[in-house]
């Protein structure tokens, strides 16, 4: 908690302050960045398909998997 100055009584650590953001703004921000991620993904896919050669097609099926642990010896 900030003890003095302009931000007295506000929660802060190392020059960072905790702030409230209206839910509409938070949702708009989340949608904006989700849309940006989709645009980038489409741009990468389009660039790959444009640069592929007919004799060497590029497979754009992508997936990821996360596993934890495994067999212990």
PDB file of N, CA and C in Angstrom:
ATOM      1  N   UNK A   1       0.852  -1.166   0.000  1.00  0.00           N
ATOM      2  CA  UNK A   1       0.000   0.000   0.000  1.00  0.00           C
ATOM      3  C   UNK A   1       0.901   1.233   0.000  1.00  0.00           C
ATOM      4  N   UNK A   2       0.549   2.212  -0.824  1.00  0.00           N
ATOM      5  CA  UNK A   2       1.306   3.456  -0.902  1.00  0.00           C
ATOM      6  C   UNK A   2       0.955   4.291   0.331  1.00  0.00           C
ATOM      7  N   UNK A   3       1.978   4.753   1.032  1.00  0.00           N
ATOM      8  CA  UNK A   3       1.777   5.439   2.309  1.00  0.00           C
ATOM      9  C   UNK A   3       1.642   6.952   2.184  1.00  0.00           C
ATOM     10  N   UNK A   4       2.196   7.541   1.107  1.00  0.00           N
ATOM     11  CA  UNK A   4       2.137   8.994   0.994  1.00  0.00           C
ATOM     12  C   UNK A   4       2.124   9.421  -0.467  1.00  0.00           C
ATOM     13  N   UNK A   5       1.948  10.724  -0.701  1.00  0.00           N
ATOM     14  CA  UNK A   5       1.962  11.258  -2.053  1.00  0.00           C
ATOM     15  C   UNK A   5       0.599  11.205  -2.730  1.00  0.00           C
ATOM     16  N   UNK A   6       0.634  11.387  -4.010  1.00  0.00           N
ATOM     17  CA  UNK A   6      -0.580  11.459  -4.830  1.00  0.00           C
ATOM     18  C   UNK A   6      -1.427  10.194  -4.725  1.00  0.00           C
ATOM     19  N   UNK A   7      -0.793   9.044  -4.583  1.00  0.00           N
ATOM     20  CA  UNK A   7      -1.503   7.764  -4.585  1.00  0.00           C
ATOM     21  C   UNK A   7      -1.613   7.149  -3.191  1.00  0.00           C
ATOM     22  N   UNK A   8      -1.669   7.973  -2.167  1.00  0.00           N
ATOM     23  CA  UNK A   8      -1.771   7.493  -0.784  1.00  0.00           C
ATOM     24  C   UNK A   8      -3.015   6.605  -0.632  1.00  0.00           C
ATOM     25  N   UNK A   9      -2.818   5.423  -0.028  1.00  0.00           N
ATOM     26  CA  UNK A   9      -3.922   4.502   0.209  1.00  0.00           C
ATOM     27  C   UNK A   9      -4.205   3.547  -0.945  1.00  0.00           C
ATOM     28  N   UNK A  10      -3.501   3.695  -2.047  1.00  0.00           N
ATOM     29  CA  UNK A  10      -3.688   2.826  -3.212  1.00  0.00           C
ATOM     30  C   UNK A  10      -2.723   1.653  -3.108  1.00  0.00           C
ATOM     31  N   UNK A  11      -3.135   0.499  -3.581  1.00  0.00           N
ATOM     32  CA  UNK A  11      -2.273  -0.674  -3.568  1.00  0.00           C
ATOM     33  C   UNK A  11      -1.244  -0.521  -4.679  1.00  0.00           C
ATOM     34  N   UNK A  12       0.032  -0.664  -4.337  1.00  0.00           N
ATOM     35  CA  UNK A  12       1.090  -0.522  -5.319  1.00  0.00           C
ATOM     36  C   UNK A  12       2.331  -1.273  -4.897  1.00  0.00           C
ATOM     37  N   UNK A  13       3.080  -1.752  -5.890  1.00  0.00           N
ATOM     38  CA  UNK A  13       4.334  -2.454  -5.643  1.00  0.00           C
ATOM     39  C   UNK A  13       5.336  -2.028  -6.700  1.00  0.00           C
ATOM     40  N   UNK A  14       6.487  -1.545  -6.293  1.00  0.00           N
ATOM     41  CA  UNK A  14       7.569  -1.224  -7.218  1.00  0.00           C
ATOM     42  C   UNK A  14       7.187  -0.268  -8.331  1.00  0.00           C
ATOM     43  N   UNK A  15       6.375   0.733  -8.026  1.00  0.00           N
ATOM     44  CA  UNK A  15       5.989   1.706  -9.036  1.00  0.00           C
ATOM     45  C   UNK A  15       4.764   1.303  -9.842  1.00  0.00           C
ATOM     46  N   UNK A  16       4.222   0.121  -9.604  1.00  0.00           N
ATOM     47  CA  UNK A  16       3.010  -0.327 -10.281  1.00  0.00           C
ATOM     48  C   UNK A  16       1.820  -0.130  -9.354  1.00  0.00           C
ATOM     49  N   UNK A  17       0.700   0.331  -9.909  1.00  0.00           N
ATOM     50  CA  UNK A  17      -0.491   0.569  -9.116  1.00  0.00           C
ATOM     51  C   UNK A  17      -1.618  -0.336  -9.586  1.00  0.00           C
ATOM     52  N   UNK A  18      -2.411  -0.795  -8.647  1.00  0.00           N
ATOM     53  CA  UNK A  18      -3.581  -1.598  -8.962  1.00  0.00           C
ATOM     54  C   UNK A  18      -4.695  -0.654  -9.418  1.00  0.00           C
ATOM     55  N   UNK A  19      -5.346  -0.984 -10.517  1.00  0.00           N
ATOM     56  CA  UNK A  19      -6.391  -0.117 -11.062  1.00  0.00           C
ATOM     57  C   UNK A  19      -7.626  -0.928 -11.416  1.00  0.00           C
ATOM     58  N   UNK A  20      -8.770  -0.263 -11.381  1.00  0.00           N
ATOM     59  CA  UNK A  20     -10.016  -0.874 -11.826  1.00  0.00           C
ATOM     60  C   UNK A  20     -10.243  -0.523 -13.285  1.00  0.00           C
ATOM     61  N   UNK A  21     -10.751  -1.497 -14.013  1.00  0.00           N
ATOM     62  CA  UNK A  21     -11.088  -1.283 -15.410  1.00  0.00           C
ATOM     63  C   UNK A  21     -12.536  -1.725 -15.579  1.00  0.00           C
ATOM     64  N   UNK A  22     -13.376  -0.884 -16.175  1.00  0.00           N
ATOM     65  CA  UNK A  22     -14.753  -1.302 -16.404  1.00  0.00           C
ATOM     66  C   UNK A  22     -14.809  -2.598 -17.218  1.00  0.00           C
ATOM     67  N   UNK A  23     -15.779  -3.450 -16.896  1.00  0.00           N
ATOM     68  CA  UNK A  23     -15.879  -4.759 -17.545  1.00  0.00           C
ATOM     69  C   UNK A  23     -16.022  -4.645 -19.063  1.00  0.00           C
ATOM     70  N   UNK A  24     -16.728  -3.626 -19.535  1.00  0.00           N
ATOM     71  CA  UNK A  24     -16.891  -3.448 -20.985  1.00  0.00           C
ATOM     72  C   UNK A  24     -15.546  -3.220 -21.672  1.00  0.00           C
ATOM     73  N   UNK A  25     -14.702  -2.431 -21.033  1.00  0.00           N
ATOM     74  CA  UNK A  25     -13.381  -2.158 -21.604  1.00  0.00           C
ATOM     75  C   UNK A  25     -12.529  -3.424 -21.582  1.00  0.00           C
ATOM     76  N   UNK A  26     -12.594  -4.186 -20.493  1.00  0.00           N
ATOM     77  CA  UNK A  26     -11.819  -5.423 -20.400  1.00  0.00           C
ATOM     78  C   UNK A  26     -12.266  -6.420 -21.471  1.00  0.00           C
ATOM     79  N   UNK A  27     -13.580  -6.533 -21.681  1.00  0.00           N
ATOM     80  CA  UNK A  27     -14.086  -7.441 -22.713  1.00  0.00           C
ATOM     81  C   UNK A  27     -13.698  -6.968 -24.106  1.00  0.00           C
ATOM     82  N   UNK A  28     -13.773  -5.667 -24.348  1.00  0.00           N
ATOM     83  CA  UNK A  28     -13.381  -5.118 -25.649  1.00  0.00           C
ATOM     84  C   UNK A  28     -11.896  -5.370 -25.903  1.00  0.00           C
ATOM     85  N   UNK A  29     -11.076  -5.206 -24.866  1.00  0.00           N
ATOM     86  CA  UNK A  29      -9.636  -5.441 -24.998  1.00  0.00           C
ATOM     87  C   UNK A  29      -9.358  -6.911 -25.319  1.00  0.00           C
ATOM     88  N   UNK A  30     -10.049  -7.819 -24.621  1.00  0.00           N
ATOM     89  CA  UNK A  30      -9.863  -9.249 -24.876  1.00  0.00           C
ATOM     90  C   UNK A  30     -10.261  -9.609 -26.303  1.00  0.00           C
ATOM     91  N   UNK A  31     -11.388  -9.072 -26.771  1.00  0.00           N
ATOM     92  CA  UNK A  31     -11.843  -9.343 -28.138  1.00  0.00           C
ATOM     93  C   UNK A  31     -10.846  -8.789 -29.155  1.00  0.00           C
ATOM     94  N   UNK A  32     -10.334  -7.578 -28.903  1.00  0.00           N
ATOM     95  CA  UNK A  32      -9.372  -6.961 -29.799  1.00  0.00           C
ATOM     96  C   UNK A  32      -8.139  -7.848 -29.984  1.00  0.00           C
ATOM     97  N   UNK A  33      -7.572  -8.323 -28.870  1.00  0.00           N
ATOM     98  CA  UNK A  33      -6.358  -9.134 -28.964  1.00  0.00           C
ATOM     99  C   UNK A  33      -6.648 -10.525 -29.523  1.00  0.00           C
ATOM    100  N   UNK A  34      -7.824 -11.074 -29.261  1.00  0.00           N
ATOM    101  CA  UNK A  34      -8.191 -12.361 -29.859  1.00  0.00           C
ATOM    102  C   UNK A  34      -8.317 -12.211 -31.380  1.00  0.00           C
ATOM    103  N   UNK A  35      -8.920 -11.111 -31.830  1.00  0.00           N
ATOM    104  CA  UNK A  35      -9.041 -10.856 -33.266  1.00  0.00           C
ATOM    105  C   UNK A  35      -7.671 -10.658 -33.908  1.00  0.00           C
ATOM    106  N   UNK A  36      -6.786  -9.946 -33.213  1.00  0.00           N
ATOM    107  CA  UNK A  36      -5.420  -9.751 -33.735  1.00  0.00           C
ATOM    108  C   UNK A  36      -4.701 -11.087 -33.900  1.00  0.00           C
ATOM    109  N   UNK A  37      -4.866 -11.985 -32.937  1.00  0.00           N
ATOM    110  CA  UNK A  37      -4.226 -13.297 -33.015  1.00  0.00           C
ATOM    111  C   UNK A  37      -4.763 -14.081 -34.210  1.00  0.00           C
ATOM    112  N   UNK A  38      -6.074 -14.024 -34.443  1.00  0.00           N
ATOM    113  CA  UNK A  38      -6.656 -14.711 -35.602  1.00  0.00           C
ATOM    114  C   UNK A  38      -6.145 -14.123 -36.910  1.00  0.00           C
ATOM    115  N   UNK A  39      -6.031 -12.796 -36.973  1.00  0.00           N
ATOM    116  CA  UNK A  39      -5.510 -12.144 -38.181  1.00  0.00           C
ATOM    117  C   UNK A  39      -4.072 -12.584 -38.459  1.00  0.00           C
ATOM    118  N   UNK A  40      -3.257 -12.655 -37.421  1.00  0.00           N
ATOM    119  CA  UNK A  40      -1.865 -13.086 -37.607  1.00  0.00           C
ATOM    120  C   UNK A  40      -1.795 -14.529 -38.077  1.00  0.00           C
ATOM    121  N   UNK A  41      -2.642 -15.380 -37.504  1.00  0.00           N
ATOM    122  CA  UNK A  41      -2.669 -16.782 -37.894  1.00  0.00           C
ATOM    123  C   UNK A  41      -3.056 -16.926 -39.365  1.00  0.00           C
ATOM    124  N   UNK A  42      -4.067 -16.187 -39.780  1.00  0.00           N
ATOM    125  CA  UNK A  42      -4.488 -16.227 -41.179  1.00  0.00           C
ATOM    126  C   UNK A  42      -3.391 -15.693 -42.102  1.00  0.00           C
ATOM    127  N   UNK A  43      -2.691 -14.647 -41.677  1.00  0.00           N
ATOM    128  CA  UNK A  43      -1.609 -14.085 -42.489  1.00  0.00           C
ATOM    129  C   UNK A  43      -0.485 -15.095 -42.672  1.00  0.00           C
ATOM    130  N   UNK A  44      -0.128 -15.811 -41.616  1.00  0.00           N
ATOM    131  CA  UNK A  44       0.926 -16.823 -41.707  1.00  0.00           C
ATOM    132  C   UNK A  44       0.493 -17.938 -42.648  1.00  0.00           C
ATOM    133  N   UNK A  45      -0.737 -18.396 -42.485  1.00  0.00           N
ATOM    134  CA  UNK A  45      -1.249 -19.469 -43.338  1.00  0.00           C
ATOM    135  C   UNK A  45      -1.276 -19.039 -44.810  1.00  0.00           C
ATOM    136  N   UNK A  46      -1.726 -17.800 -45.065  1.00  0.00           N
ATOM    137  CA  UNK A  46      -1.787 -17.289 -46.436  1.00  0.00           C
ATOM    138  C   UNK A  46      -0.399 -17.190 -47.047  1.00  0.00           C
ATOM    139  N   UNK A  47       0.570 -16.681 -46.281  1.00  0.00           N
ATOM    140  CA  UNK A  47       1.942 -16.566 -46.785  1.00  0.00           C
ATOM    141  C   UNK A  47       2.520 -17.935 -47.114  1.00  0.00           C
ATOM    142  N   UNK A  48       2.267 -18.919 -46.250  1.00  0.00           N
ATOM    143  CA  UNK A  48       2.779 -20.263 -46.511  1.00  0.00           C
ATOM    144  C   UNK A  48       2.184 -20.836 -47.791  1.00  0.00           C
ATOM    145  N   UNK A  49       0.878 -20.705 -47.946  1.00  0.00           N
ATOM    146  CA  UNK A  49       0.227 -21.270 -49.126  1.00  0.00           C
ATOM    147  C   UNK A  49       0.655 -20.551 -50.395  1.00  0.00           C
ATOM    148  N   UNK A  50       0.899 -19.256 -50.312  1.00  0.00           N
ATOM    149  CA  UNK A  50       1.323 -18.497 -51.489  1.00  0.00           C
ATOM    150  C   UNK A  50       2.728 -18.913 -51.927  1.00  0.00           C
ATOM    151  N   UNK A  51       3.580 -19.245 -50.974  1.00  0.00           N
ATOM    152  CA  UNK A  51       4.975 -19.555 -51.296  1.00  0.00           C
ATOM    153  C   UNK A  51       5.226 -21.030 -51.580  1.00  0.00           C
ATOM    154  N   UNK A  52       4.219 -21.867 -51.440  1.00  0.00           N
ATOM    155  CA  UNK A  52       4.467 -23.293 -51.650  1.00  0.00           C
ATOM    156  C   UNK A  52       4.629 -23.604 -53.144  1.00  0.00           C
ATOM    157  N   UNK A  53       5.353 -24.647 -53.417  1.00  0.00           N
ATOM    158  CA  UNK A  53       5.571 -25.120 -54.780  1.00  0.00           C
ATOM    159  C   UNK A  53       4.670 -26.339 -54.991  1.00  0.00           C
ATOM    160  N   UNK A  54       4.067 -26.472 -56.191  1.00  0.00           N
ATOM    161  CA  UNK A  54       3.152 -27.593 -56.429  1.00  0.00           C
ATOM    162  C   UNK A  54       3.767 -28.971 -56.167  1.00  0.00           C
ATOM    163  N   UNK A  55       5.060 -29.107 -56.397  1.00  0.00           N
ATOM    164  CA  UNK A  55       5.685 -30.410 -56.189  1.00  0.00           C
ATOM    165  C   UNK A  55       6.012 -30.669 -54.712  1.00  0.00           C
ATOM    166  N   UNK A  56       5.946 -29.625 -53.877  1.00  0.00           N
ATOM    167  CA  UNK A  56       6.226 -29.771 -52.444  1.00  0.00           C
ATOM    168  C   UNK A  56       5.162 -29.025 -51.643  1.00  0.00           C
ATOM    169  N   UNK A  57       3.964 -29.585 -51.532  1.00  0.00           N
ATOM    170  CA  UNK A  57       2.904 -28.889 -50.791  1.00  0.00           C
ATOM    171  C   UNK A  57       3.230 -28.768 -49.302  1.00  0.00           C
ATOM    172  N   UNK A  58       2.742 -27.701 -48.712  1.00  0.00           N
ATOM    173  CA  UNK A  58       2.962 -27.445 -47.294  1.00  0.00           C
ATOM    174  C   UNK A  58       1.707 -27.851 -46.534  1.00  0.00           C
ATOM    175  N   UNK A  59       1.881 -28.634 -45.487  1.00  0.00           N
ATOM    176  CA  UNK A  59       0.774 -29.048 -44.655  1.00  0.00           C
ATOM    177  C   UNK A  59       0.573 -27.986 -43.565  1.00  0.00           C
ATOM    178  N   UNK A  60      -0.616 -27.362 -43.511  1.00  0.00           N
ATOM    179  CA  UNK A  60      -0.872 -26.313 -42.531  1.00  0.00           C
ATOM    180  C   UNK A  60      -1.741 -26.791 -41.375  1.00  0.00           C
ATOM    181  N   UNK A  61      -1.939 -28.098 -41.258  1.00  0.00           N
ATOM    182  CA  UNK A  61      -2.677 -28.624 -40.125  1.00  0.00           C
ATOM    183  C   UNK A  61      -1.768 -28.572 -38.904  1.00  0.00           C
ATOM    184  N   UNK A  62      -2.122 -27.710 -37.958  1.00  0.00           N
ATOM    185  CA  UNK A  62      -1.287 -27.538 -36.778  1.00  0.00           C
ATOM    186  C   UNK A  62      -2.078 -27.897 -35.537  1.00  0.00           C
ATOM    187  N   UNK A  63      -1.412 -28.491 -34.591  1.00  0.00           N
ATOM    188  CA  UNK A  63      -2.015 -28.773 -33.294  1.00  0.00           C
ATOM    189  C   UNK A  63      -0.906 -28.824 -32.257  1.00  0.00           C
ATOM    190  N   UNK A  64      -1.298 -28.655 -31.019  1.00  0.00           N
ATOM    191  CA  UNK A  64      -0.318 -28.755 -29.949  1.00  0.00           C
ATOM    192  C   UNK A  64      -0.896 -29.620 -28.845  1.00  0.00           C
ATOM    193  N   UNK A  65      -0.012 -30.181 -28.070  1.00  0.00           N
ATOM    194  CA  UNK A  65      -0.437 -31.061 -26.990  1.00  0.00           C
ATOM    195  C   UNK A  65       0.518 -30.864 -25.822  1.00  0.00           C
ATOM    196  N   UNK A  66      -0.041 -30.830 -24.649  1.00  0.00           N
ATOM    197  CA  UNK A  66       0.761 -30.688 -23.438  1.00  0.00           C
ATOM    198  C   UNK A  66       0.545 -31.929 -22.592  1.00  0.00           C
ATOM    199  N   UNK A  67       1.647 -32.541 -22.177  1.00  0.00           N
ATOM    200  CA  UNK A  67       1.554 -33.687 -21.292  1.00  0.00           C
ATOM    201  C   UNK A  67       2.428 -33.412 -20.075  1.00  0.00           C
ATOM    202  N   UNK A  68       2.057 -33.994 -18.980  1.00  0.00           N
ATOM    203  CA  UNK A  68       2.811 -33.814 -17.754  1.00  0.00           C
ATOM    204  C   UNK A  68       3.267 -35.172 -17.260  1.00  0.00           C
ATOM    205  N   UNK A  69       4.487 -35.216 -16.826  1.00  0.00           N
ATOM    206  CA  UNK A  69       4.992 -36.453 -16.239  1.00  0.00           C
ATOM    207  C   UNK A  69       5.268 -37.517 -17.274  1.00  0.00           C
ATOM    208  N   UNK A  70       5.204 -38.703 -16.852  1.00  0.00           N
ATOM    209  CA  UNK A  70       5.472 -39.858 -17.697  1.00  0.00           C
ATOM    210  C   UNK A  70       5.748 -41.046 -16.805  1.00  0.00           C
ATOM    211  N   UNK A  71       6.201 -42.104 -17.401  1.00  0.00           N
ATOM    212  CA  UNK A  71       6.514 -43.290 -16.604  1.00  0.00           C
ATOM    213  C   UNK A  71       7.773 -43.056 -15.787  1.00  0.00           C
ATOM    214  N   UNK A  72       7.706 -43.490 -14.549  1.00  0.00           N
ATOM    215  CA  UNK A  72       8.897 -43.414 -13.694  1.00  0.00           C
ATOM    216  C   UNK A  72       9.617 -44.739 -13.759  1.00  0.00           C
ATOM    217  N   UNK A  73      10.943 -44.676 -13.800  1.00  0.00           N
ATOM    218  CA  UNK A  73      11.743 -45.903 -13.889  1.00  0.00           C
ATOM    219  C   UNK A  73      11.845 -46.580 -12.555  1.00  0.00           C
TER     220      UNK A  73
END
